Amino acid sequence: MGSPVRWGDVPGWISAVTGAAGGIAAAFRVLSKRQEAQAGAFFTMLDELADLDSQNLRHLIEDNPVVAEIVGRAAEEAVRTASDDKRYLLAQVAAAALRGDATPGQIQALRYLERTVIALDPVDLTLLVVIGTTEDGKWAQGPATPPEMQSRWPSAPDLLDPALGLLEQQGLIGSINYDENGIVKIWMLRPYGQQFPEHLLTDLGGWPPHLQHESRSG
């Protein structure tokens, strides 16, 4: 793979090709500034969650390439996403790796958790919560039918199938019953689908997560 794309260079590329200083080039400058702000928000969250001084942090990253990999991947995705909720989940995974108290097995689990967070959008996580909870927000870990999900999921009904497919692809849910046409009638959390919310959602006070600074101000 080549070097990472530097979004700040994109306006220059466009101007060189089109000879235009404004228009699309100006739009990409706005994009670059937004990504800078998103990166800043991520590292602010990470700083609060990890609670490490800069010297210890440097040694930890230098001595643990897997930790550096987890943090770097989380940072890359945090810059891309427009969702503060997803950014906070990424910071939560990175902070768990940075705190340095995880065993090799737990580090491997963090890698999977991070991949799952990256793969899912907030609306997908909302559907996961719908499947795994009762209407009063308690973790049910019981089965859910498409009509039940549609009544609680805020997105369009025709988007339910691709969202379910993505959750199934990530190993979070499984189908346990079908109708005569082979269409799934009942979905249920798989073991990883139960573990994932326990690691990232329950500890954060539910979904959407409650950021630390919000907890302090409340």
C-alpha atoms as a PDB file:
ATOM      1  CA  MET A   1       0.000   0.000   0.000  1.00  0.00           C
ATOM      2  CA  GLY A   2       1.082   3.578  -0.606  1.00  0.00           C
ATOM      3  CA  SER A   3       1.437   6.368   1.886  1.00  0.00           C
ATOM      4  CA  PRO A   4      -1.715   7.610   3.636  1.00  0.00           C
ATOM      5  CA  VAL A   5      -3.794  10.193   1.817  1.00  0.00           C
ATOM      6  CA  ARG A   6      -3.223  13.700   3.127  1.00  0.00           C
ATOM      7  CA  TRP A   7      -6.553  15.420   2.699  1.00  0.00           C
ATOM      8  CA  GLY A   8      -4.925  18.799   3.091  1.00  0.00           C
ATOM      9  CA  ASP A   9      -3.132  18.203  -0.227  1.00  0.00           C
ATOM     10  CA  VAL A  10      -6.330  17.488  -2.169  1.00  0.00           C
ATOM     11  CA  PRO A  11      -7.250  21.151  -2.871  1.00  0.00           C
ATOM     12  CA  GLY A  12      -3.800  21.577  -4.391  1.00  0.00           C
ATOM     13  CA  TRP A  13      -4.283  18.563  -6.622  1.00  0.00           C
ATOM     14  CA  ILE A  14      -7.636  19.830  -7.829  1.00  0.00           C
ATOM     15  CA  SER A  15      -6.371  23.359  -8.408  1.00  0.00           C
ATOM     16  CA  ALA A  16      -3.424  22.031 -10.390  1.00  0.00           C
ATOM     17  CA  VAL A  17      -5.732  20.050 -12.665  1.00  0.00           C
ATOM     18  CA  THR A  18      -8.576  22.544 -13.065  1.00  0.00           C
ATOM     19  CA  GLY A  19      -6.766  25.822 -12.564  1.00  0.00           C
ATOM     20  CA  ALA A  20      -9.513  26.811 -10.122  1.00  0.00           C
ATOM     21  CA  ALA A  21      -8.705  28.053  -6.624  1.00  0.00           C
ATOM     22  CA  GLY A  22     -12.309  27.941  -5.413  1.00  0.00           C
ATOM     23  CA  GLY A  23     -15.257  25.634  -5.975  1.00  0.00           C
ATOM     24  CA  ILE A  24     -14.386  22.022  -5.289  1.00  0.00           C
ATOM     25  CA  ALA A  25     -10.972  22.931  -3.914  1.00  0.00           C
ATOM     26  CA  ALA A  26     -12.576  25.186  -1.301  1.00  0.00           C
ATOM     27  CA  ALA A  27     -14.986  22.407  -0.376  1.00  0.00           C
ATOM     28  CA  PHE A  28     -12.103  20.042   0.259  1.00  0.00           C
ATOM     29  CA  ARG A  29     -10.436  22.636   2.481  1.00  0.00           C
ATOM     30  CA  VAL A  30     -13.585  22.615   4.596  1.00  0.00           C
ATOM     31  CA  LEU A  31     -13.442  18.807   4.677  1.00  0.00           C
ATOM     32  CA  SER A  32      -9.837  18.925   5.845  1.00  0.00           C
ATOM     33  CA  LYS A  33     -10.677  21.337   8.669  1.00  0.00           C
ATOM     34  CA  ARG A  34     -13.593  19.146   9.748  1.00  0.00           C
ATOM     35  CA  GLN A  35     -11.336  16.089   9.844  1.00  0.00           C
ATOM     36  CA  GLU A  36      -8.815  17.989  11.937  1.00  0.00           C
ATOM     37  CA  ALA A  37     -11.585  18.825  14.397  1.00  0.00           C
ATOM     38  CA  GLN A  38     -12.734  15.200  14.452  1.00  0.00           C
ATOM     39  CA  ALA A  39      -9.186  14.027  15.145  1.00  0.00           C
ATOM     40  CA  GLY A  40      -8.917  16.535  17.972  1.00  0.00           C
ATOM     41  CA  ALA A  41     -12.182  15.322  19.482  1.00  0.00           C
ATOM     42  CA  PHE A  42     -10.995  11.712  19.353  1.00  0.00           C
ATOM     43  CA  PHE A  43      -7.706  12.412  21.117  1.00  0.00           C
ATOM     44  CA  THR A  44      -9.481  14.496  23.750  1.00  0.00           C
ATOM     45  CA  MET A  45     -11.765  11.547  24.468  1.00  0.00           C
ATOM     46  CA  LEU A  46      -8.818   9.152  24.457  1.00  0.00           C
ATOM     47  CA  ASP A  47      -6.849  11.344  26.850  1.00  0.00           C
ATOM     48  CA  GLU A  48      -9.735  11.357  29.322  1.00  0.00           C
ATOM     49  CA  LEU A  49     -10.316   7.623  29.070  1.00  0.00           C
ATOM     50  CA  ALA A  50      -6.702   6.409  29.157  1.00  0.00           C
ATOM     51  CA  ASP A  51      -5.526   8.849  31.875  1.00  0.00           C
ATOM     52  CA  LEU A  52      -1.809   8.405  31.132  1.00  0.00           C
ATOM     53  CA  ASP A  53       1.021  10.913  31.228  1.00  0.00           C
ATOM     54  CA  SER A  54       2.863  11.560  27.970  1.00  0.00           C
ATOM     55  CA  GLN A  55       6.087   9.799  29.011  1.00  0.00           C
ATOM     56  CA  ASN A  56       4.351   6.545  29.967  1.00  0.00           C
ATOM     57  CA  LEU A  57       2.222   6.765  26.849  1.00  0.00           C
ATOM     58  CA  ARG A  58       5.261   7.093  24.588  1.00  0.00           C
ATOM     59  CA  HIS A  59       7.030   4.109  26.145  1.00  0.00           C
ATOM     60  CA  LEU A  60       3.874   2.024  25.991  1.00  0.00           C
ATOM     61  CA  ILE A  61       3.385   2.638  22.270  1.00  0.00           C
ATOM     62  CA  GLU A  62       7.089   2.161  21.455  1.00  0.00           C
ATOM     63  CA  ASP A  63       7.252  -1.127  23.356  1.00  0.00           C
ATOM     64  CA  ASN A  64       3.930  -2.595  22.174  1.00  0.00           C
ATOM     65  CA  PRO A  65       3.406  -2.580  18.403  1.00  0.00           C
ATOM     66  CA  VAL A  66       0.008  -4.279  18.739  1.00  0.00           C
ATOM     67  CA  VAL A  67      -1.185  -1.486  21.036  1.00  0.00           C
ATOM     68  CA  ALA A  68       0.106   1.081  18.539  1.00  0.00           C
ATOM     69  CA  GLU A  69      -1.775  -0.752  15.782  1.00  0.00           C
ATOM     70  CA  ILE A  70      -5.058  -0.668  17.733  1.00  0.00           C
ATOM     71  CA  VAL A  71      -4.722   3.020  18.587  1.00  0.00           C
ATOM     72  CA  GLY A  72      -3.661   3.972  15.058  1.00  0.00           C
ATOM     73  CA  ARG A  73      -6.547   2.139  13.434  1.00  0.00           C
ATOM     74  CA  ALA A  74      -9.006   3.691  15.880  1.00  0.00           C
ATOM     75  CA  ALA A  75      -7.631   7.162  15.146  1.00  0.00           C
ATOM     76  CA  GLU A  76      -7.928   6.671  11.372  1.00  0.00           C
ATOM     77  CA  GLU A  77     -11.575   5.654  11.636  1.00  0.00           C
ATOM     78  CA  ALA A  78     -12.321   8.407  14.164  1.00  0.00           C
ATOM     79  CA  VAL A  79     -11.218  11.004  11.621  1.00  0.00           C
ATOM     80  CA  ARG A  80     -13.523   9.536   8.968  1.00  0.00           C
ATOM     81  CA  THR A  81     -16.733   9.163  10.965  1.00  0.00           C
ATOM     82  CA  ALA A  82     -19.157  12.027  11.516  1.00  0.00           C
ATOM     83  CA  SER A  83     -20.569  10.346  14.638  1.00  0.00           C
ATOM     84  CA  ASP A  84     -19.305  11.389  18.070  1.00  0.00           C
ATOM     85  CA  ASP A  85     -20.890   8.228  19.498  1.00  0.00           C
ATOM     86  CA  LYS A  86     -18.834   6.006  17.209  1.00  0.00           C
ATOM     87  CA  ARG A  87     -15.758   8.123  17.877  1.00  0.00           C
ATOM     88  CA  TYR A  88     -16.233   7.549  21.610  1.00  0.00           C
ATOM     89  CA  LEU A  89     -16.510   3.780  21.169  1.00  0.00           C
ATOM     90  CA  LEU A  90     -13.276   3.837  19.170  1.00  0.00           C
ATOM     91  CA  ALA A  91     -11.620   5.859  21.934  1.00  0.00           C
ATOM     92  CA  GLN A  92     -12.917   3.335  24.472  1.00  0.00           C
ATOM     93  CA  VAL A  93     -11.229   0.456  22.624  1.00  0.00           C
ATOM     94  CA  ALA A  94      -7.985   2.396  22.174  1.00  0.00           C
ATOM     95  CA  ALA A  95      -7.959   3.431  25.842  1.00  0.00           C
ATOM     96  CA  ALA A  96      -8.406  -0.180  26.962  1.00  0.00           C
ATOM     97  CA  ALA A  97      -5.316  -1.105  24.955  1.00  0.00           C
ATOM     98  CA  LEU A  98      -3.332   1.880  26.240  1.00  0.00           C
ATOM     99  CA  ARG A  99      -4.028   1.255  29.901  1.00  0.00           C
ATOM    100  CA  GLY A 100      -1.670  -1.687  29.603  1.00  0.00           C
ATOM    101  CA  ASP A 101      -3.468  -4.047  31.938  1.00  0.00           C
ATOM    102  CA  ALA A 102      -4.847  -6.342  29.246  1.00  0.00           C
ATOM    103  CA  THR A 103      -3.577  -9.896  28.779  1.00  0.00           C
ATOM    104  CA  PRO A 104      -2.606 -11.135  25.286  1.00  0.00           C
ATOM    105  CA  GLY A 105      -6.011 -12.792  25.037  1.00  0.00           C
ATOM    106  CA  GLN A 106      -7.750  -9.568  25.964  1.00  0.00           C
ATOM    107  CA  ILE A 107      -5.673  -7.649  23.424  1.00  0.00           C
ATOM    108  CA  GLN A 108      -6.872 -10.072  20.750  1.00  0.00           C
ATOM    109  CA  ALA A 109     -10.445  -9.495  21.916  1.00  0.00           C
ATOM    110  CA  LEU A 110      -9.867  -5.745  21.614  1.00  0.00           C
ATOM    111  CA  ARG A 111      -8.786  -6.242  18.006  1.00  0.00           C
ATOM    112  CA  TYR A 112     -12.097  -7.928  17.232  1.00  0.00           C
ATOM    113  CA  LEU A 113     -14.052  -5.308  19.154  1.00  0.00           C
ATOM    114  CA  GLU A 114     -12.319  -2.559  17.214  1.00  0.00           C
ATOM    115  CA  ARG A 115     -13.022  -4.212  13.866  1.00  0.00           C
ATOM    116  CA  THR A 116     -16.675  -4.507  14.837  1.00  0.00           C
ATOM    117  CA  VAL A 117     -16.942  -0.854  15.865  1.00  0.00           C
ATOM    118  CA  ILE A 118     -15.304   0.197  12.585  1.00  0.00           C
ATOM    119  CA  ALA A 119     -17.650  -1.984  10.524  1.00  0.00           C
ATOM    120  CA  LEU A 120     -20.859  -0.739  12.143  1.00  0.00           C
ATOM    121  CA  ASP A 121     -22.620   2.601  11.931  1.00  0.00           C
ATOM    122  CA  PRO A 122     -24.552   3.986  14.911  1.00  0.00           C
ATOM    123  CA  VAL A 123     -27.831   2.908  13.334  1.00  0.00           C
ATOM    124  CA  ASP A 124     -26.544  -0.690  13.177  1.00  0.00           C
ATOM    125  CA  LEU A 125     -25.585  -0.543  16.851  1.00  0.00           C
ATOM    126  CA  THR A 126     -29.060   0.752  17.606  1.00  0.00           C
ATOM    127  CA  LEU A 127     -30.518  -2.313  15.903  1.00  0.00           C
ATOM    128  CA  LEU A 128     -28.209  -4.570  17.925  1.00  0.00           C
ATOM    129  CA  VAL A 129     -29.515  -2.956  21.112  1.00  0.00           C
ATOM    130  CA  VAL A 130     -33.103  -3.399  19.912  1.00  0.00           C
ATOM    131  CA  ILE A 131     -32.521  -7.114  19.319  1.00  0.00           C
ATOM    132  CA  GLY A 132     -30.813  -7.632  22.663  1.00  0.00           C
ATOM    133  CA  THR A 133     -33.016  -5.570  24.956  1.00  0.00           C
ATOM    134  CA  THR A 134     -36.581  -5.246  26.127  1.00  0.00           C
ATOM    135  CA  GLU A 135     -38.549  -2.067  25.495  1.00  0.00           C
ATOM    136  CA  ASP A 136     -37.608  -0.731  28.934  1.00  0.00           C
ATOM    137  CA  GLY A 137     -33.905  -1.052  28.047  1.00  0.00           C
ATOM    138  CA  LYS A 138     -32.996  -4.196  29.995  1.00  0.00           C
ATOM    139  CA  TRP A 139     -30.715  -6.753  28.336  1.00  0.00           C
ATOM    140  CA  ALA A 140     -33.009  -9.580  27.312  1.00  0.00           C
ATOM    141  CA  GLN A 141     -30.660 -11.712  25.181  1.00  0.00           C
ATOM    142  CA  GLY A 142     -33.827 -13.227  23.835  1.00  0.00           C
ATOM    143  CA  PRO A 143     -35.199 -13.621  20.321  1.00  0.00           C
ATOM    144  CA  ALA A 144     -36.634 -10.771  18.274  1.00  0.00           C
ATOM    145  CA  THR A 145     -38.896 -10.806  15.228  1.00  0.00           C
ATOM    146  CA  PRO A 146     -38.695  -8.344  12.313  1.00  0.00           C
ATOM    147  CA  PRO A 147     -42.031  -6.680  13.245  1.00  0.00           C
ATOM    148  CA  GLU A 148     -40.781  -6.128  16.800  1.00  0.00           C
ATOM    149  CA  MET A 149     -37.534  -4.671  15.505  1.00  0.00           C
ATOM    150  CA  GLN A 150     -39.275  -2.358  13.042  1.00  0.00           C
ATOM    151  CA  SER A 151     -41.481  -0.948  15.806  1.00  0.00           C
ATOM    152  CA  ARG A 152     -38.412   0.179  17.800  1.00  0.00           C
ATOM    153  CA  TRP A 153     -35.769   0.826  15.134  1.00  0.00           C
ATOM    154  CA  PRO A 154     -35.754   4.465  13.935  1.00  0.00           C
ATOM    155  CA  SER A 155     -34.726   3.771  10.321  1.00  0.00           C
ATOM    156  CA  ALA A 156     -36.768   2.863   7.255  1.00  0.00           C
ATOM    157  CA  PRO A 157     -38.183  -0.711   7.208  1.00  0.00           C
ATOM    158  CA  ASP A 158     -36.532  -1.504   3.871  1.00  0.00           C
ATOM    159  CA  LEU A 159     -33.111  -0.892   5.474  1.00  0.00           C
ATOM    160  CA  LEU A 160     -33.700  -3.569   8.086  1.00  0.00           C
ATOM    161  CA  ASP A 161     -32.482  -6.461   5.909  1.00  0.00           C
ATOM    162  CA  PRO A 162     -29.043  -4.978   5.062  1.00  0.00           C
ATOM    163  CA  ALA A 163     -28.560  -3.942   8.698  1.00  0.00           C
ATOM    164  CA  LEU A 164     -29.409  -7.451   9.890  1.00  0.00           C
ATOM    165  CA  GLY A 165     -27.072  -8.892   7.280  1.00  0.00           C
ATOM    166  CA  LEU A 166     -24.206  -6.722   8.531  1.00  0.00           C
ATOM    167  CA  LEU A 167     -24.804  -7.687  12.167  1.00  0.00           C
ATOM    168  CA  GLU A 168     -24.862 -11.344  11.145  1.00  0.00           C
ATOM    169  CA  GLN A 169     -21.660 -10.922   9.122  1.00  0.00           C
ATOM    170  CA  GLN A 170     -19.926  -9.525  12.204  1.00  0.00           C
ATOM    171  CA  GLY A 171     -20.921 -12.587  14.235  1.00  0.00           C
ATOM    172  CA  LEU A 172     -23.259 -10.604  16.503  1.00  0.00           C
ATOM    173  CA  ILE A 173     -26.625 -12.167  15.665  1.00  0.00           C
ATOM    174  CA  GLY A 174     -27.941 -15.386  14.178  1.00  0.00           C
ATOM    175  CA  SER A 175     -31.208 -16.551  12.636  1.00  0.00           C
ATOM    176  CA  ILE A 176     -33.042 -19.322  14.493  1.00  0.00           C
ATOM    177  CA  ASN A 177     -36.369 -19.722  12.671  1.00  0.00           C
ATOM    178  CA  TYR A 178     -37.672 -19.365   9.096  1.00  0.00           C
ATOM    179  CA  ASP A 179     -41.059 -19.174   7.418  1.00  0.00           C
ATOM    180  CA  GLU A 180     -42.195 -21.376   4.523  1.00  0.00           C
ATOM    181  CA  ASN A 181     -40.491 -19.019   2.042  1.00  0.00           C
ATOM    182  CA  GLY A 182     -37.131 -19.266   3.766  1.00  0.00           C
ATOM    183  CA  ILE A 183     -37.368 -15.761   5.240  1.00  0.00           C
ATOM    184  CA  VAL A 184     -35.996 -15.361   8.759  1.00  0.00           C
ATOM    185  CA  LYS A 185     -38.743 -15.070  11.371  1.00  0.00           C
ATOM    186  CA  ILE A 186     -36.610 -14.821  14.513  1.00  0.00           C
ATOM    187  CA  TRP A 187     -33.160 -13.352  15.224  1.00  0.00           C
ATOM    188  CA  MET A 188     -31.129 -13.741  18.382  1.00  0.00           C
ATOM    189  CA  LEU A 189     -27.852 -12.453  19.822  1.00  0.00           C
ATOM    190  CA  ARG A 190     -24.934 -14.850  19.388  1.00  0.00           C
ATOM    191  CA  PRO A 191     -22.350 -15.199  22.206  1.00  0.00           C
ATOM    192  CA  TYR A 192     -20.178 -12.448  20.694  1.00  0.00           C
ATOM    193  CA  GLY A 193     -23.305 -10.340  20.268  1.00  0.00           C
ATOM    194  CA  GLN A 194     -23.784 -10.557  24.029  1.00  0.00           C
ATOM    195  CA  GLN A 195     -20.105  -9.928  24.788  1.00  0.00           C
ATOM    196  CA  PHE A 196     -19.846  -6.874  22.548  1.00  0.00           C
ATOM    197  CA  PRO A 197     -22.483  -4.792  24.365  1.00  0.00           C
ATOM    198  CA  GLU A 198     -21.112  -5.873  27.737  1.00  0.00           C
ATOM    199  CA  HIS A 199     -17.677  -4.524  26.783  1.00  0.00           C
ATOM    200  CA  LEU A 200     -18.653  -1.338  25.032  1.00  0.00           C
ATOM    201  CA  LEU A 201     -22.259  -0.403  25.672  1.00  0.00           C
ATOM    202  CA  THR A 202     -23.240  -1.401  29.192  1.00  0.00           C
ATOM    203  CA  ASP A 203     -20.050   0.052  30.693  1.00  0.00           C
ATOM    204  CA  LEU A 204     -20.789   3.340  28.953  1.00  0.00           C
ATOM    205  CA  GLY A 205     -24.247   3.622  30.469  1.00  0.00           C
ATOM    206  CA  GLY A 206     -26.259   2.360  27.519  1.00  0.00           C
ATOM    207  CA  TRP A 207     -26.600   3.451  23.920  1.00  0.00           C
ATOM    208  CA  PRO A 208     -25.921   6.146  22.845  1.00  0.00           C
ATOM    209  CA  PRO A 209     -22.945   6.266  25.236  1.00  0.00           C
ATOM    210  CA  HIS A 210     -22.565   8.858  27.970  1.00  0.00           C
ATOM    211  CA  LEU A 211     -19.269  10.668  27.531  1.00  0.00           C
ATOM    212  CA  GLN A 212     -17.179  11.237  30.657  1.00  0.00           C
ATOM    213  CA  HIS A 213     -17.361  15.025  30.488  1.00  0.00           C
ATOM    214  CA  GLU A 214     -21.143  14.794  30.152  1.00  0.00           C
ATOM    215  CA  SER A 215     -21.279  12.641  33.292  1.00  0.00           C
ATOM    216  CA  ARG A 216     -19.231  15.185  35.209  1.00  0.00           C
ATOM    217  CA  SER A 217     -21.285  18.153  34.051  1.00  0.00           C
ATOM    218  CA  GLY A 218     -24.522  16.318  34.910  1.00  0.00           C
END
